[in-house]
Amino acid sequence: HQAAVSTHNHRPNGRFLLTAPPIPSILGRETAVGIPQAPPATQNGQDTTAAPTIQVKIGRIEVRANSVPAQPTPQKKRPNHTVLTLDDYLNQRHRQGGVR
């Protein structure tokens, strides 16, 4: 049974130093890039393998896209509607048979 590892260390200046808990090793004798590691050493019949060291270097990533200029969307031509005033509308309805 192991005690929980604190992720906050109090510093004398009143600020906290954040540290990450240890990460368990999920790699075997080869690292992610396929470099073989030394076989595990034994001491008094016990396995004393140290976790492999993983170095990650992130360089510059460039993303380029070749885009085609967008074609302007053709405007639909609207039929010319005449504006009908309320009086004209009511007169038109009255001539067609009145209000139903």
C-alpha atoms as a PDB file:
ATOM      1  CA  HIS A   1       0.000   0.000   0.000  1.00  0.00           C
ATOM      2  CA  GLN A   2       1.519   3.286  -1.125  1.00  0.00           C
ATOM      3  CA  ALA A   3       0.728   6.712   0.240  1.00  0.00           C
ATOM      4  CA  ALA A   4      -0.854   9.212  -2.150  1.00  0.00           C
ATOM      5  CA  VAL A   5       1.582  11.589  -3.795  1.00  0.00           C
ATOM      6  CA  SER A   6       0.759  15.265  -3.338  1.00  0.00           C
ATOM      7  CA  THR A   7       0.810  17.374  -6.458  1.00  0.00           C
ATOM      8  CA  HIS A   8       1.338  20.633  -4.545  1.00  0.00           C
ATOM      9  CA  ASN A   9       4.550  21.535  -2.769  1.00  0.00           C
ATOM     10  CA  HIS A  10       4.417  24.611  -0.556  1.00  0.00           C
ATOM     11  CA  ARG A  11       7.316  26.995  -1.059  1.00  0.00           C
ATOM     12  CA  PRO A  12       8.588  29.461   1.536  1.00  0.00           C
ATOM     13  CA  ASN A  13       7.598  32.467  -0.591  1.00  0.00           C
ATOM     14  CA  GLY A  14       3.921  31.518  -0.281  1.00  0.00           C
ATOM     15  CA  ARG A  15       3.581  30.116  -3.794  1.00  0.00           C
ATOM     16  CA  PHE A  16       2.918  26.542  -4.746  1.00  0.00           C
ATOM     17  CA  LEU A  17       5.069  24.422  -7.011  1.00  0.00           C
ATOM     18  CA  LEU A  18       2.982  22.027  -9.084  1.00  0.00           C
ATOM     19  CA  THR A  19       4.539  18.646  -9.699  1.00  0.00           C
ATOM     20  CA  ALA A  20       3.067  15.693 -11.503  1.00  0.00           C
ATOM     21  CA  PRO A  21       2.814  12.283  -9.855  1.00  0.00           C
ATOM     22  CA  PRO A  22       5.059   9.568 -11.283  1.00  0.00           C
ATOM     23  CA  ILE A  23       3.808   7.959 -14.484  1.00  0.00           C
ATOM     24  CA  PRO A  24       3.840   4.160 -14.527  1.00  0.00           C
ATOM     25  CA  SER A  25       5.893   2.587 -17.271  1.00  0.00           C
ATOM     26  CA  ILE A  26       3.813   1.127 -20.081  1.00  0.00           C
ATOM     27  CA  LEU A  27       6.745   0.418 -22.346  1.00  0.00           C
ATOM     28  CA  GLY A  28       8.621  -2.840 -22.336  1.00  0.00           C
ATOM     29  CA  ARG A  29      12.217  -3.212 -23.368  1.00  0.00           C
ATOM     30  CA  GLU A  30      11.746  -0.979 -26.393  1.00  0.00           C
ATOM     31  CA  THR A  31      10.816   2.652 -26.391  1.00  0.00           C
ATOM     32  CA  ALA A  32       8.236   4.188 -28.684  1.00  0.00           C
ATOM     33  CA  VAL A  33      10.861   4.706 -31.399  1.00  0.00           C
ATOM     34  CA  GLY A  34      11.980   1.077 -31.291  1.00  0.00           C
ATOM     35  CA  ILE A  35      15.392   1.463 -29.633  1.00  0.00           C
ATOM     36  CA  PRO A  36      16.124  -1.680 -27.621  1.00  0.00           C
ATOM     37  CA  GLN A  37      16.873  -1.159 -23.960  1.00  0.00           C
ATOM     38  CA  ALA A  38      19.301  -3.114 -21.820  1.00  0.00           C
ATOM     39  CA  PRO A  39      17.849  -6.257 -20.241  1.00  0.00           C
ATOM     40  CA  PRO A  40      16.556  -5.772 -16.702  1.00  0.00           C
ATOM     41  CA  ALA A  41      19.162  -6.107 -13.980  1.00  0.00           C
ATOM     42  CA  THR A  42      18.505  -8.383 -11.061  1.00  0.00           C
ATOM     43  CA  GLN A  43      19.728  -7.843  -7.551  1.00  0.00           C
ATOM     44  CA  ASN A  44      19.172 -10.502  -4.907  1.00  0.00           C
ATOM     45  CA  GLY A  45      16.747 -12.248  -7.269  1.00  0.00           C
ATOM     46  CA  GLN A  46      14.488  -9.188  -7.513  1.00  0.00           C
ATOM     47  CA  ASP A  47      13.695  -7.299 -10.691  1.00  0.00           C
ATOM     48  CA  THR A  48      15.080  -3.761 -10.360  1.00  0.00           C
ATOM     49  CA  THR A  49      14.205  -2.354 -13.780  1.00  0.00           C
ATOM     50  CA  ALA A  50      14.205   1.391 -14.029  1.00  0.00           C
ATOM     51  CA  ALA A  51      11.513   3.080 -16.067  1.00  0.00           C
ATOM     52  CA  PRO A  52      12.791   3.993 -19.544  1.00  0.00           C
ATOM     53  CA  THR A  53      13.489   7.645 -20.237  1.00  0.00           C
ATOM     54  CA  ILE A  54      11.352   9.071 -23.011  1.00  0.00           C
ATOM     55  CA  GLN A  55      12.395  12.276 -24.720  1.00  0.00           C
ATOM     56  CA  VAL A  56       9.804  14.071 -26.805  1.00  0.00           C
ATOM     57  CA  LYS A  57      10.817  16.915 -29.083  1.00  0.00           C
ATOM     58  CA  ILE A  58       8.205  18.846 -30.966  1.00  0.00           C
ATOM     59  CA  GLY A  59       9.399  20.838 -33.920  1.00  0.00           C
ATOM     60  CA  ARG A  60       7.583  23.255 -36.144  1.00  0.00           C
ATOM     61  CA  ILE A  61       4.473  21.976 -37.887  1.00  0.00           C
ATOM     62  CA  GLU A  62       3.350  23.642 -41.083  1.00  0.00           C
ATOM     63  CA  VAL A  63      -0.099  23.147 -42.539  1.00  0.00           C
ATOM     64  CA  ARG A  64      -0.748  24.383 -46.033  1.00  0.00           C
ATOM     65  CA  ALA A  65      -3.981  24.313 -47.970  1.00  0.00           C
ATOM     66  CA  ASN A  66      -4.440  24.967 -51.647  1.00  0.00           C
ATOM     67  CA  SER A  67      -7.824  26.578 -51.906  1.00  0.00           C
ATOM     68  CA  VAL A  68      -9.728  27.465 -55.014  1.00  0.00           C
ATOM     69  CA  PRO A  69     -11.144  30.996 -54.988  1.00  0.00           C
ATOM     70  CA  ALA A  70     -14.840  30.913 -54.237  1.00  0.00           C
ATOM     71  CA  GLN A  71     -17.105  31.541 -57.187  1.00  0.00           C
ATOM     72  CA  PRO A  72     -19.622  34.319 -56.591  1.00  0.00           C
ATOM     73  CA  THR A  73     -23.084  32.942 -56.013  1.00  0.00           C
ATOM     74  CA  PRO A  74     -25.378  33.984 -58.836  1.00  0.00           C
ATOM     75  CA  GLN A  75     -28.190  36.209 -57.638  1.00  0.00           C
ATOM     76  CA  LYS A  76     -31.650  34.946 -58.459  1.00  0.00           C
ATOM     77  CA  LYS A  77     -33.595  37.491 -60.382  1.00  0.00           C
ATOM     78  CA  ARG A  78     -36.796  38.322 -58.646  1.00  0.00           C
ATOM     79  CA  PRO A  79     -39.852  39.031 -60.699  1.00  0.00           C
ATOM     80  CA  ASN A  80     -40.857  42.655 -60.527  1.00  0.00           C
ATOM     81  CA  HIS A  81     -43.764  42.860 -58.126  1.00  0.00           C
ATOM     82  CA  THR A  82     -45.680  46.032 -57.840  1.00  0.00           C
ATOM     83  CA  VAL A  83     -46.291  47.254 -54.361  1.00  0.00           C
ATOM     84  CA  LEU A  84     -49.959  47.087 -53.505  1.00  0.00           C
ATOM     85  CA  THR A  85     -51.245  49.590 -51.002  1.00  0.00           C
ATOM     86  CA  LEU A  86     -53.879  48.591 -48.485  1.00  0.00           C
ATOM     87  CA  ASP A  87     -56.511  50.676 -50.275  1.00  0.00           C
ATOM     88  CA  ASP A  88     -55.684  49.033 -53.616  1.00  0.00           C
ATOM     89  CA  TYR A  89     -55.862  45.572 -52.016  1.00  0.00           C
ATOM     90  CA  LEU A  90     -59.246  46.270 -50.420  1.00  0.00           C
ATOM     91  CA  ASN A  91     -60.630  47.711 -53.675  1.00  0.00           C
ATOM     92  CA  GLN A  92     -59.384  44.635 -55.582  1.00  0.00           C
ATOM     93  CA  ARG A  93     -61.070  42.281 -53.105  1.00  0.00           C
ATOM     94  CA  HIS A  94     -64.281  44.317 -53.232  1.00  0.00           C
ATOM     95  CA  ARG A  95     -64.363  44.048 -57.047  1.00  0.00           C
ATOM     96  CA  GLN A  96     -63.806  40.269 -56.887  1.00  0.00           C
ATOM     97  CA  GLY A  97     -66.846  39.597 -54.767  1.00  0.00           C
ATOM     98  CA  GLY A  98     -66.347  41.292 -51.488  1.00  0.00           C
ATOM     99  CA  VAL A  99     -65.238  39.997 -48.145  1.00  0.00           C
ATOM    100  CA  ARG A 100     -66.021  36.354 -47.407  1.00  0.00           C
END
